[in-house]
Amino acid sequence: MIYQHPLAYLLGLEGIALMRAWVGDFDQDFVHRRLAEIRRLLATEAIAGHDGVMVDRGDTLTGYRQWAATYDEPRNSLFDCDEPVMHQIIDALPPGDALDAACGTGRYAEYLAGRGHRVVGVDSSPDMLDRARTRVPSGEFLLGDLHQLPLPDSCVDLVVSGLALSHVPTLEPVMAEFARVLRPGGHLAISDAHHDIVFRGSNPHALGPNDEPGLVATYRHTPGDFLRAALPTGLQVRRCEEPRPLPVDTPPPPPPADLTVSDWHDWPWSLLDLIPEASRAAWAVPGAIIWHFQLTKPS
């Protein structure tokens, strides 16, 4: 079980913001506002006296079954972060046989089909696959797992995987599968939730049968993790980007006059509004990491 306490989360964000000030990103007034805010949090019974919540470690199938109907609405903010770079990578490649690995509702399958690719999508969620089949009638969609793709060796020119690998504990077996199904000289384009936003609590919910708190297992993969998994398979780096969300030009709003804690189902996003300046400073990190690999041709 995971134990989550609102005060612990808020103090964690304040700490990250203060560490940024420590290395010179913010001035003395910012530090004093953080210290005053921490004292206020500690003195607020609704926060400091909260019992906290025990959260189960849910599974991916449950989480994405619950999320399938609303995954694309409202638009996930990470889509705006990863799509410009992913589209650039795809647009530079000729049409061919493409695999959308962990295709979800078919976001990239649809784009690939529109660019003239013959698309196969694989996902472990039947609910997501149903939506992908409706969205991309020309595609072929198969139930399967990233660790054992239901495809033969050397059968595609391009593998695309969007915002999925943070749910894989280790990258080595998945990268090996991507390399296996790629033809020599083929390309792999990956976007994934950046390890810094996973660290800050960007984890999909996977509720229990009676809406008990639960989170999809989500892992933090660093750039080194990707390289250690990819390079031994013959995948060579062609590009790596860590795009950030669009900057916000307006100053953060003041903290609310009344600090109240919402229901767990809105965490951590509702907690950010309690300390808006610290939250913006702590969350000023890349939203995604994007890789373009190419499988080495045999000599």
C-alpha atoms as a PDB file:
ATOM      1  CA  MET A   1       0.000   0.000   0.000  1.00  0.00           C
ATOM      2  CA  ILE A   2       0.977   3.613  -0.572  1.00  0.00           C
ATOM      3  CA  TYR A   3       0.356   6.223   2.118  1.00  0.00           C
ATOM      4  CA  GLN A   4      -0.421   9.715   0.823  1.00  0.00           C
ATOM      5  CA  HIS A   5      -0.801  12.718   3.105  1.00  0.00           C
ATOM      6  CA  PRO A   6      -1.673  16.172   1.743  1.00  0.00           C
ATOM      7  CA  LEU A   7       0.733  17.970   4.052  1.00  0.00           C
ATOM      8  CA  ALA A   8       3.577  15.682   2.994  1.00  0.00           C
ATOM      9  CA  TYR A   9       2.885  16.405  -0.678  1.00  0.00           C
ATOM     10  CA  LEU A  10       2.605  20.153  -0.183  1.00  0.00           C
ATOM     11  CA  LEU A  11       5.783  20.316   1.895  1.00  0.00           C
ATOM     12  CA  GLY A  12       7.529  18.277  -0.792  1.00  0.00           C
ATOM     13  CA  LEU A  13       6.596  20.846  -3.437  1.00  0.00           C
ATOM     14  CA  GLU A  14       7.695  23.673  -1.154  1.00  0.00           C
ATOM     15  CA  GLY A  15      11.022  21.893  -0.700  1.00  0.00           C
ATOM     16  CA  ILE A  16      11.583  21.539  -4.449  1.00  0.00           C
ATOM     17  CA  ALA A  17      10.747  25.231  -4.909  1.00  0.00           C
ATOM     18  CA  LEU A  18      13.171  26.186  -2.129  1.00  0.00           C
ATOM     19  CA  MET A  19      15.935  24.082  -3.653  1.00  0.00           C
ATOM     20  CA  ARG A  20      15.469  25.990  -6.903  1.00  0.00           C
ATOM     21  CA  ALA A  21      15.871  29.219  -4.946  1.00  0.00           C
ATOM     22  CA  TRP A  22      18.962  27.776  -3.238  1.00  0.00           C
ATOM     23  CA  VAL A  23      20.740  27.493  -6.607  1.00  0.00           C
ATOM     24  CA  GLY A  24      19.689  30.986  -7.696  1.00  0.00           C
ATOM     25  CA  ASP A  25      16.450  30.587  -9.644  1.00  0.00           C
ATOM     26  CA  PHE A  26      14.450  32.805  -7.257  1.00  0.00           C
ATOM     27  CA  ASP A  27      15.118  35.738  -4.957  1.00  0.00           C
ATOM     28  CA  GLN A  28      14.983  36.371  -1.214  1.00  0.00           C
ATOM     29  CA  ASP A  29      11.325  37.442  -1.261  1.00  0.00           C
ATOM     30  CA  PHE A  30      10.377  34.139  -2.894  1.00  0.00           C
ATOM     31  CA  VAL A  31      12.152  32.217  -0.121  1.00  0.00           C
ATOM     32  CA  HIS A  32      10.422  34.196   2.615  1.00  0.00           C
ATOM     33  CA  ARG A  33       7.030  33.599   0.969  1.00  0.00           C
ATOM     34  CA  ARG A  34       7.757  29.882   0.916  1.00  0.00           C
ATOM     35  CA  LEU A  35       8.717  29.837   4.590  1.00  0.00           C
ATOM     36  CA  ALA A  36       5.604  31.797   5.549  1.00  0.00           C
ATOM     37  CA  GLU A  37       3.485  29.449   3.466  1.00  0.00           C
ATOM     38  CA  ILE A  38       4.996  26.418   5.161  1.00  0.00           C
ATOM     39  CA  ARG A  39       4.171  27.877   8.565  1.00  0.00           C
ATOM     40  CA  ARG A  40       0.603  28.450   7.390  1.00  0.00           C
ATOM     41  CA  LEU A  41       0.289  24.874   6.150  1.00  0.00           C
ATOM     42  CA  LEU A  42       1.562  23.506   9.447  1.00  0.00           C
ATOM     43  CA  ALA A  43      -0.925  25.664  11.339  1.00  0.00           C
ATOM     44  CA  THR A  44      -3.942  24.638   9.233  1.00  0.00           C
ATOM     45  CA  GLU A  45      -5.728  21.766  10.973  1.00  0.00           C
ATOM     46  CA  ALA A  46      -7.550  20.611   7.814  1.00  0.00           C
ATOM     47  CA  ILE A  47      -4.133  19.914   6.283  1.00  0.00           C
ATOM     48  CA  ALA A  48      -1.802  19.115   9.176  1.00  0.00           C
ATOM     49  CA  GLY A  49      -4.486  17.106  10.987  1.00  0.00           C
ATOM     50  CA  HIS A  50      -5.584  15.139   7.932  1.00  0.00           C
ATOM     51  CA  ASP A  51      -5.514  11.356   8.411  1.00  0.00           C
ATOM     52  CA  GLY A  52      -3.957  10.746   5.023  1.00  0.00           C
ATOM     53  CA  VAL A  53      -5.095   8.069   2.586  1.00  0.00           C
ATOM     54  CA  MET A  54      -3.993   4.490   2.045  1.00  0.00           C
ATOM     55  CA  VAL A  55      -3.732   3.912  -1.718  1.00  0.00           C
ATOM     56  CA  ASP A  56      -3.616   0.518  -3.383  1.00  0.00           C
ATOM     57  CA  ARG A  57      -1.182  -0.340  -6.162  1.00  0.00           C
ATOM     58  CA  GLY A  58      -3.667  -0.853  -8.976  1.00  0.00           C
ATOM     59  CA  ASP A  59      -3.082  -2.496 -12.327  1.00  0.00           C
ATOM     60  CA  THR A  60      -2.813  -1.036 -15.813  1.00  0.00           C
ATOM     61  CA  LEU A  61      -5.803  -2.908 -17.227  1.00  0.00           C
ATOM     62  CA  THR A  62      -8.115  -1.567 -14.517  1.00  0.00           C
ATOM     63  CA  GLY A  63      -6.819   1.971 -14.798  1.00  0.00           C
ATOM     64  CA  TYR A  64      -7.125   2.188 -18.564  1.00  0.00           C
ATOM     65  CA  ARG A  65     -10.509   0.477 -18.618  1.00  0.00           C
ATOM     66  CA  GLN A  66     -11.746   3.233 -16.321  1.00  0.00           C
ATOM     67  CA  TRP A  67      -9.972   5.930 -18.326  1.00  0.00           C
ATOM     68  CA  ALA A  68     -10.856   4.716 -21.831  1.00  0.00           C
ATOM     69  CA  ALA A  69     -14.120   6.654 -22.189  1.00  0.00           C
ATOM     70  CA  THR A  70     -12.531   9.998 -21.243  1.00  0.00           C
ATOM     71  CA  TYR A  71      -8.888   9.483 -22.274  1.00  0.00           C
ATOM     72  CA  ASP A  72      -9.168  11.897 -25.198  1.00  0.00           C
ATOM     73  CA  GLU A  73     -11.661  14.318 -23.612  1.00  0.00           C
ATOM     74  CA  PRO A  74     -10.683  16.756 -22.286  1.00  0.00           C
ATOM     75  CA  ARG A  75      -7.448  16.670 -24.248  1.00  0.00           C
ATOM     76  CA  ASN A  76      -4.557  15.336 -22.208  1.00  0.00           C
ATOM     77  CA  SER A  77      -2.040  18.174 -21.768  1.00  0.00           C
ATOM     78  CA  LEU A  78       0.822  15.778 -22.506  1.00  0.00           C
ATOM     79  CA  PHE A  79      -0.492  15.398 -26.055  1.00  0.00           C
ATOM     80  CA  ASP A  80       0.419  19.035 -26.711  1.00  0.00           C
ATOM     81  CA  CYS A  81       3.850  18.303 -25.285  1.00  0.00           C
ATOM     82  CA  ASP A  82       4.749  15.190 -27.279  1.00  0.00           C
ATOM     83  CA  GLU A  83       2.908  15.513 -30.593  1.00  0.00           C
ATOM     84  CA  PRO A  84       4.918  18.329 -32.262  1.00  0.00           C
ATOM     85  CA  VAL A  85       8.192  16.389 -32.001  1.00  0.00           C
ATOM     86  CA  MET A  86       6.655  12.976 -32.663  1.00  0.00           C
ATOM     87  CA  HIS A  87       4.931  14.321 -35.771  1.00  0.00           C
ATOM     88  CA  GLN A  88       8.233  15.759 -37.018  1.00  0.00           C
ATOM     89  CA  ILE A  89       9.881  12.349 -36.674  1.00  0.00           C
ATOM     90  CA  ILE A  90       7.018  10.548 -38.418  1.00  0.00           C
ATOM     91  CA  ASP A  91       6.687  13.148 -41.170  1.00  0.00           C
ATOM     92  CA  ALA A  92      10.349  12.712 -42.164  1.00  0.00           C
ATOM     93  CA  LEU A  93       9.889   8.981 -42.840  1.00  0.00           C
ATOM     94  CA  PRO A  94       8.381   7.383 -45.969  1.00  0.00           C
ATOM     95  CA  PRO A  95       5.084   5.481 -45.641  1.00  0.00           C
ATOM     96  CA  GLY A  96       5.441   1.808 -44.836  1.00  0.00           C
ATOM     97  CA  ASP A  97       4.342  -0.830 -42.361  1.00  0.00           C
ATOM     98  CA  ALA A  98       3.945   0.783 -38.945  1.00  0.00           C
ATOM     99  CA  LEU A  99       3.219  -0.558 -35.472  1.00  0.00           C
ATOM    100  CA  ASP A 100       1.543   1.606 -32.855  1.00  0.00           C
ATOM    101  CA  ALA A 101       2.709  -0.191 -29.708  1.00  0.00           C
ATOM    102  CA  ALA A 102       0.409   0.353 -26.706  1.00  0.00           C
ATOM    103  CA  CYS A 103      -1.841   2.197 -29.128  1.00  0.00           C
ATOM    104  CA  GLY A 104      -4.522   3.155 -26.617  1.00  0.00           C
ATOM    105  CA  THR A 105      -7.435   4.853 -28.339  1.00  0.00           C
ATOM    106  CA  GLY A 106      -5.471   5.112 -31.593  1.00  0.00           C
ATOM    107  CA  ARG A 107      -4.056   8.623 -31.334  1.00  0.00           C
ATOM    108  CA  TYR A 108      -0.861   7.811 -33.234  1.00  0.00           C
ATOM    109  CA  ALA A 109      -2.438   5.054 -35.325  1.00  0.00           C
ATOM    110  CA  GLU A 110      -4.763   7.680 -36.748  1.00  0.00           C
ATOM    111  CA  TYR A 111      -1.859  10.004 -37.554  1.00  0.00           C
ATOM    112  CA  LEU A 112       0.162   7.215 -39.126  1.00  0.00           C
ATOM    113  CA  ALA A 113      -2.757   6.123 -41.312  1.00  0.00           C
ATOM    114  CA  GLY A 114      -3.231   9.723 -42.404  1.00  0.00           C
ATOM    115  CA  ARG A 115       0.410   9.792 -43.511  1.00  0.00           C
ATOM    116  CA  GLY A 116      -0.069   6.720 -45.693  1.00  0.00           C
ATOM    117  CA  HIS A 117       1.274   3.995 -43.395  1.00  0.00           C
ATOM    118  CA  ARG A 118      -0.273   0.518 -43.138  1.00  0.00           C
ATOM    119  CA  VAL A 119      -1.009   0.426 -39.422  1.00  0.00           C
ATOM    120  CA  VAL A 120      -1.111  -2.338 -36.857  1.00  0.00           C
ATOM    121  CA  GLY A 121      -1.980  -1.361 -33.291  1.00  0.00           C
ATOM    122  CA  VAL A 122      -1.303  -3.481 -30.203  1.00  0.00           C
ATOM    123  CA  ASP A 123      -2.635  -2.829 -26.724  1.00  0.00           C
ATOM    124  CA  SER A 124      -3.389  -4.835 -23.596  1.00  0.00           C
ATOM    125  CA  SER A 125      -6.669  -2.982 -22.951  1.00  0.00           C
ATOM    126  CA  PRO A 126      -9.722  -4.307 -24.848  1.00  0.00           C
ATOM    127  CA  ASP A 127     -11.583  -1.087 -24.027  1.00  0.00           C
ATOM    128  CA  MET A 128      -8.881   1.057 -25.586  1.00  0.00           C
ATOM    129  CA  LEU A 129      -8.713  -1.214 -28.636  1.00  0.00           C
ATOM    130  CA  ASP A 130     -12.457  -0.883 -29.221  1.00  0.00           C
ATOM    131  CA  ARG A 131     -12.042   2.873 -29.461  1.00  0.00           C
ATOM    132  CA  ALA A 132      -8.985   2.581 -31.702  1.00  0.00           C
ATOM    133  CA  ARG A 133     -10.857   0.328 -34.159  1.00  0.00           C
ATOM    134  CA  THR A 134     -13.655   2.899 -34.403  1.00  0.00           C
ATOM    135  CA  ARG A 135     -11.185   5.745 -34.784  1.00  0.00           C
ATOM    136  CA  VAL A 136      -8.996   4.069 -37.429  1.00  0.00           C
ATOM    137  CA  PRO A 137     -11.149   1.677 -39.516  1.00  0.00           C
ATOM    138  CA  SER A 138      -8.270   0.967 -41.895  1.00  0.00           C
ATOM    139  CA  GLY A 139      -5.988  -0.284 -39.120  1.00  0.00           C
ATOM    140  CA  GLU A 140      -5.541  -3.768 -37.701  1.00  0.00           C
ATOM    141  CA  PHE A 141      -5.716  -3.857 -33.920  1.00  0.00           C
ATOM    142  CA  LEU A 142      -4.508  -6.763 -31.818  1.00  0.00           C
ATOM    143  CA  LEU A 143      -4.726  -7.582 -28.131  1.00  0.00           C
ATOM    144  CA  GLY A 144      -1.219  -8.078 -26.834  1.00  0.00           C
ATOM    145  CA  ASP A 145       1.537  -7.123 -24.440  1.00  0.00           C
ATOM    146  CA  LEU A 146       4.663  -5.062 -25.066  1.00  0.00           C
ATOM    147  CA  HIS A 147       6.778  -7.864 -23.642  1.00  0.00           C
ATOM    148  CA  GLN A 148       5.545 -10.332 -26.281  1.00  0.00           C
ATOM    149  CA  LEU A 149       4.210  -8.510 -29.313  1.00  0.00           C
ATOM    150  CA  PRO A 150       1.876 -10.661 -31.458  1.00  0.00           C
ATOM    151  CA  LEU A 151       3.929  -9.968 -34.595  1.00  0.00           C
ATOM    152  CA  PRO A 152       6.637 -11.867 -36.498  1.00  0.00           C
ATOM    153  CA  ASP A 153      10.270 -10.832 -36.673  1.00  0.00           C
ATOM    154  CA  SER A 154      11.330  -7.999 -38.994  1.00  0.00           C
ATOM    155  CA  CYS A 155       7.806  -7.147 -40.127  1.00  0.00           C
ATOM    156  CA  VAL A 156       7.526  -3.337 -39.760  1.00  0.00           C
ATOM    157  CA  ASP A 157       9.443  -0.288 -40.893  1.00  0.00           C
ATOM    158  CA  LEU A 158       8.388   1.919 -38.007  1.00  0.00           C
ATOM    159  CA  VAL A 159       7.390   1.392 -34.377  1.00  0.00           C
ATOM    160  CA  VAL A 160       5.670   4.230 -32.536  1.00  0.00           C
ATOM    161  CA  SER A 161       4.869   4.153 -28.828  1.00  0.00           C
ATOM    162  CA  GLY A 162       3.177   7.068 -27.106  1.00  0.00           C
ATOM    163  CA  LEU A 163       3.074   7.705 -23.338  1.00  0.00           C
ATOM    164  CA  ALA A 164       3.120   4.047 -22.345  1.00  0.00           C
ATOM    165  CA  LEU A 165       6.546   2.930 -21.190  1.00  0.00           C
ATOM    166  CA  SER A 166       6.297   4.565 -17.767  1.00  0.00           C
ATOM    167  CA  HIS A 167       4.006   1.638 -16.906  1.00  0.00           C
ATOM    168  CA  VAL A 168       6.742  -0.903 -17.703  1.00  0.00           C
ATOM    169  CA  PRO A 169       9.006  -1.784 -14.738  1.00  0.00           C
ATOM    170  CA  THR A 170      12.128  -2.321 -16.856  1.00  0.00           C
ATOM    171  CA  LEU A 171      12.751  -1.222 -20.423  1.00  0.00           C
ATOM    172  CA  GLU A 172      15.134  -3.941 -21.615  1.00  0.00           C
ATOM    173  CA  PRO A 173      12.569  -6.595 -22.647  1.00  0.00           C
ATOM    174  CA  VAL A 174      10.330  -4.036 -24.362  1.00  0.00           C
ATOM    175  CA  MET A 175      13.176  -2.471 -26.321  1.00  0.00           C
ATOM    176  CA  ALA A 176      14.257  -5.962 -27.381  1.00  0.00           C
ATOM    177  CA  GLU A 177      10.732  -6.622 -28.701  1.00  0.00           C
ATOM    178  CA  PHE A 178      10.714  -3.342 -30.620  1.00  0.00           C
ATOM    179  CA  ALA A 179      14.047  -4.258 -32.206  1.00  0.00           C
ATOM    180  CA  ARG A 180      12.796  -7.768 -33.005  1.00  0.00           C
ATOM    181  CA  VAL A 181       9.774  -6.628 -35.031  1.00  0.00           C
ATOM    182  CA  LEU A 182      11.657  -3.846 -36.849  1.00  0.00           C
ATOM    183  CA  ARG A 183      13.236  -4.454 -40.231  1.00  0.00           C
ATOM    184  CA  PRO A 184      16.945  -3.563 -40.453  1.00  0.00           C
ATOM    185  CA  GLY A 185      17.202   0.180 -40.888  1.00  0.00           C
ATOM    186  CA  GLY A 186      13.727   0.655 -39.416  1.00  0.00           C
ATOM    187  CA  HIS A 187      12.826   3.450 -37.035  1.00  0.00           C
ATOM    188  CA  LEU A 188      11.473   3.651 -33.488  1.00  0.00           C
ATOM    189  CA  ALA A 189       9.750   6.793 -32.155  1.00  0.00           C
ATOM    190  CA  ILE A 190       8.906   6.858 -28.451  1.00  0.00           C
ATOM    191  CA  SER A 191       7.275   9.440 -26.261  1.00  0.00           C
ATOM    192  CA  ASP A 192       6.962   8.822 -22.557  1.00  0.00           C
ATOM    193  CA  ALA A 193       5.940  10.720 -19.463  1.00  0.00           C
ATOM    194  CA  HIS A 194       9.100  12.421 -18.207  1.00  0.00           C
ATOM    195  CA  HIS A 195      10.486  10.889 -15.030  1.00  0.00           C
ATOM    196  CA  ASP A 196      10.279  14.301 -13.327  1.00  0.00           C
ATOM    197  CA  ILE A 197       6.478  14.540 -13.654  1.00  0.00           C
ATOM    198  CA  VAL A 198       6.051  10.949 -12.520  1.00  0.00           C
ATOM    199  CA  PHE A 199       8.112  11.889  -9.452  1.00  0.00           C
ATOM    200  CA  ARG A 200       5.724  14.795  -8.809  1.00  0.00           C
ATOM    201  CA  GLY A 201       2.658  12.557  -8.824  1.00  0.00           C
ATOM    202  CA  SER A 202       1.456  12.336 -12.430  1.00  0.00           C
ATOM    203  CA  ASN A 203       0.069   8.810 -12.065  1.00  0.00           C
ATOM    204  CA  PRO A 204      -3.227   7.532 -13.538  1.00  0.00           C
ATOM    205  CA  HIS A 205      -5.812   6.302 -11.081  1.00  0.00           C
ATOM    206  CA  ALA A 206      -6.945   2.672 -10.932  1.00  0.00           C
ATOM    207  CA  LEU A 207      -9.855   2.613  -8.508  1.00  0.00           C
ATOM    208  CA  GLY A 208     -11.009  -0.431  -6.595  1.00  0.00           C
ATOM    209  CA  PRO A 209     -14.447  -2.048  -7.084  1.00  0.00           C
ATOM    210  CA  ASN A 210     -16.041   0.449  -4.682  1.00  0.00           C
ATOM    211  CA  ASP A 211     -13.953   3.423  -5.868  1.00  0.00           C
ATOM    212  CA  GLU A 212     -11.255   2.746  -3.291  1.00  0.00           C
ATOM    213  CA  PRO A 213      -8.100   4.808  -3.952  1.00  0.00           C
ATOM    214  CA  GLY A 214      -5.653   3.116  -6.288  1.00  0.00           C
ATOM    215  CA  LEU A 215      -2.920   4.102  -8.719  1.00  0.00           C
ATOM    216  CA  VAL A 216      -1.664   2.469 -11.895  1.00  0.00           C
ATOM    217  CA  ALA A 217       1.892   1.253 -11.369  1.00  0.00           C
ATOM    218  CA  THR A 218       4.083   3.980 -12.870  1.00  0.00           C
ATOM    219  CA  TYR A 219       7.878   3.940 -13.059  1.00  0.00           C
ATOM    220  CA  ARG A 220      10.531   6.613 -13.486  1.00  0.00           C
ATOM    221  CA  HIS A 221      12.819   5.896 -16.452  1.00  0.00           C
ATOM    222  CA  THR A 222      15.803   8.196 -16.869  1.00  0.00           C
ATOM    223  CA  PRO A 223      17.579   8.863 -20.183  1.00  0.00           C
ATOM    224  CA  GLY A 224      20.272   6.459 -19.057  1.00  0.00           C
ATOM    225  CA  ASP A 225      17.664   3.724 -18.572  1.00  0.00           C
ATOM    226  CA  PHE A 226      16.504   4.152 -22.169  1.00  0.00           C
ATOM    227  CA  LEU A 227      20.049   4.065 -23.533  1.00  0.00           C
ATOM    228  CA  ARG A 228      21.071   1.012 -21.532  1.00  0.00           C
ATOM    229  CA  ALA A 229      17.989  -0.820 -22.831  1.00  0.00           C
ATOM    230  CA  ALA A 230      18.190   0.313 -26.460  1.00  0.00           C
ATOM    231  CA  LEU A 231      21.851   0.299 -27.486  1.00  0.00           C
ATOM    232  CA  PRO A 232      22.559  -3.429 -26.926  1.00  0.00           C
ATOM    233  CA  THR A 233      19.681  -4.322 -29.296  1.00  0.00           C
ATOM    234  CA  GLY A 234      21.239  -2.418 -32.193  1.00  0.00           C
ATOM    235  CA  LEU A 235      18.988   0.617 -31.804  1.00  0.00           C
ATOM    236  CA  GLN A 236      20.985   3.789 -32.378  1.00  0.00           C
ATOM    237  CA  VAL A 237      19.963   7.262 -31.219  1.00  0.00           C
ATOM    238  CA  ARG A 238      18.914   9.696 -33.910  1.00  0.00           C
ATOM    239  CA  ARG A 239      17.228  12.296 -31.711  1.00  0.00           C
ATOM    240  CA  CYS A 240      16.218  12.956 -28.106  1.00  0.00           C
ATOM    241  CA  GLU A 241      14.037  15.810 -26.863  1.00  0.00           C
ATOM    242  CA  GLU A 242      12.564  16.739 -23.482  1.00  0.00           C
ATOM    243  CA  PRO A 243       9.808  19.227 -24.364  1.00  0.00           C
ATOM    244  CA  ARG A 244       8.260  21.372 -21.694  1.00  0.00           C
ATOM    245  CA  PRO A 245       4.646  22.502 -21.551  1.00  0.00           C
ATOM    246  CA  LEU A 246       3.990  25.922 -23.032  1.00  0.00           C
ATOM    247  CA  PRO A 247       5.218  28.623 -20.619  1.00  0.00           C
ATOM    248  CA  VAL A 248       2.660  30.562 -18.603  1.00  0.00           C
ATOM    249  CA  ASP A 249       3.232  34.297 -18.898  1.00  0.00           C
ATOM    250  CA  THR A 250       0.824  35.426 -16.171  1.00  0.00           C
ATOM    251  CA  PRO A 251       1.898  35.419 -12.514  1.00  0.00           C
ATOM    252  CA  PRO A 252       0.467  32.638 -10.360  1.00  0.00           C
ATOM    253  CA  PRO A 253      -2.710  33.485  -8.465  1.00  0.00           C
ATOM    254  CA  PRO A 254      -2.510  34.095  -4.724  1.00  0.00           C
ATOM    255  CA  PRO A 255      -3.141  31.120  -2.456  1.00  0.00           C
ATOM    256  CA  PRO A 256      -6.778  30.722  -1.416  1.00  0.00           C
ATOM    257  CA  ALA A 257      -7.929  32.413   1.747  1.00  0.00           C
ATOM    258  CA  ASP A 258      -9.387  29.157   3.055  1.00  0.00           C
ATOM    259  CA  LEU A 259      -7.120  26.121   2.806  1.00  0.00           C
ATOM    260  CA  THR A 260      -9.321  23.069   2.420  1.00  0.00           C
ATOM    261  CA  VAL A 261      -8.392  19.613   1.197  1.00  0.00           C
ATOM    262  CA  SER A 262     -10.537  18.072  -1.515  1.00  0.00           C
ATOM    263  CA  ASP A 263     -11.342  14.387  -1.922  1.00  0.00           C
ATOM    264  CA  TRP A 264      -8.425  12.080  -2.770  1.00  0.00           C
ATOM    265  CA  HIS A 265      -9.831  11.413  -6.244  1.00  0.00           C
ATOM    266  CA  ASP A 266      -8.789  14.960  -7.225  1.00  0.00           C
ATOM    267  CA  TRP A 267      -5.230  14.614  -5.896  1.00  0.00           C
ATOM    268  CA  PRO A 268      -2.588  15.785  -6.596  1.00  0.00           C
ATOM    269  CA  TRP A 269      -4.054  18.370  -8.983  1.00  0.00           C
ATOM    270  CA  SER A 270      -6.398  20.013  -6.473  1.00  0.00           C
ATOM    271  CA  LEU A 271      -3.524  20.316  -3.984  1.00  0.00           C
ATOM    272  CA  LEU A 272      -1.507  22.405  -6.433  1.00  0.00           C
ATOM    273  CA  ASP A 273      -4.089  25.187  -6.142  1.00  0.00           C
ATOM    274  CA  LEU A 274      -3.385  25.537  -2.406  1.00  0.00           C
ATOM    275  CA  ILE A 275       0.188  26.726  -3.005  1.00  0.00           C
ATOM    276  CA  PRO A 276       0.137  28.030  -6.595  1.00  0.00           C
ATOM    277  CA  GLU A 277       3.493  29.828  -6.638  1.00  0.00           C
ATOM    278  CA  ALA A 278       5.424  26.914  -5.149  1.00  0.00           C
ATOM    279  CA  SER A 279       3.552  24.451  -7.374  1.00  0.00           C
ATOM    280  CA  ARG A 280       4.465  26.352 -10.532  1.00  0.00           C
ATOM    281  CA  ALA A 281       8.112  26.480  -9.466  1.00  0.00           C
ATOM    282  CA  ALA A 282       8.210  22.794  -8.536  1.00  0.00           C
ATOM    283  CA  TRP A 283       6.442  21.644 -11.708  1.00  0.00           C
ATOM    284  CA  ALA A 284       8.619  23.660 -14.117  1.00  0.00           C
ATOM    285  CA  VAL A 285      10.065  20.489 -15.667  1.00  0.00           C
ATOM    286  CA  PRO A 286       9.799  18.696 -19.007  1.00  0.00           C
ATOM    287  CA  GLY A 287       6.477  16.969 -19.534  1.00  0.00           C
ATOM    288  CA  ALA A 288       7.754  14.220 -21.820  1.00  0.00           C
ATOM    289  CA  ILE A 289      10.877  12.575 -23.147  1.00  0.00           C
ATOM    290  CA  ILE A 290      10.955  11.705 -26.840  1.00  0.00           C
ATOM    291  CA  TRP A 291      13.352   9.362 -28.593  1.00  0.00           C
ATOM    292  CA  HIS A 292      14.047   8.575 -32.227  1.00  0.00           C
ATOM    293  CA  PHE A 293      16.065   5.384 -32.686  1.00  0.00           C
ATOM    294  CA  GLN A 294      17.054   3.527 -35.838  1.00  0.00           C
ATOM    295  CA  LEU A 295      17.861  -0.180 -36.001  1.00  0.00           C
ATOM    296  CA  THR A 296      21.348  -0.733 -37.314  1.00  0.00           C
ATOM    297  CA  LYS A 297      21.536  -2.510 -40.661  1.00  0.00           C
ATOM    298  CA  PRO A 298      23.690  -5.646 -40.657  1.00  0.00           C
ATOM    299  CA  SER A 299      27.156  -5.086 -42.090  1.00  0.00           C
END
